Every structure is written in C-alpha cells, then in structure tokens.
Amino acid sequence: MKIWKSEDYQDLEDLRGALGWDYWLEEGPLEEVRLIIDRVGREGDAALFDLTAKHDGVDLREPGLRVTEKELRASRERVESDFVDALRVAARTITAFHRRQVWESQFWDSEEGARVGQMYR
C-alpha cells in the first residue's frame, strides 16, 4: 500500500489524479449523490428498489432485501471456509473500528495485526 505523506501541493495533486478524484469533485456527480441520498431519506426502501433497477439493471422488488437462512446456507456451501472466516474477521474489525470511532485521531492494531485507525486534522 502506498502511503502519501506530504504538505507539497503537487504531491497532493498527484494523489488526486491517482485516486481519480477529479471526476468526483465536479459538481455534477456530487449533486446526483445529494439527490439520491435525499430521495432514499424520504422514500426508504422504495427508492432503493427503484434506483437499483435504474442504475444496476436489477429489480429487487420480488426477492426483497432480506436473505433467508436457506440462501445463507447454500452460499456458505459454495465458498471456501477461509472466505467465510475472512468475512467474519472483516465484520469484527469493522464493528470494532466504528465502536471506537471518535472525532480525534487514533490508531491501533487489529487482532490480525493490521494497523487501523483514522486521522483528523
């Protein structure tokens, strides 16, 4: 993983380019995201169903959003146990991260030895 540490403006511009931020910092996409968030806030799942059909070409109205226990069992049987273990580790790590989330910089090592955290400036 590349770590960017710089106060130099040109380095930050290089980072922006590497991450493809130019497109997302334009007003058009940001306004579209604002409209989507507003609509989902007002309409809830109905908006999610409609927007998923529009943007992803998938109609989730019939199957719904809830995954049945039968579907979960069938899915587990189709993947390696290491993959399921990795999902469990990810869920624990994400949960631990957000439980510790505060509005100040903090860093710690996860159970698996990953250095995680956040920096506020």
Foldseek 3Di string as FASTA:
>chain_A
DDDDDDPDPVSVVVVCVVVVCPVVVDVVNVVVVVVLVVCCVVPPVVSVQVVCCVPVVDRCPVVHDDDDPVNVVVVVVVDDVVVVVVVVLVVVVVVVQVVPDDQAWDWDAGPVGDIDTDHDD
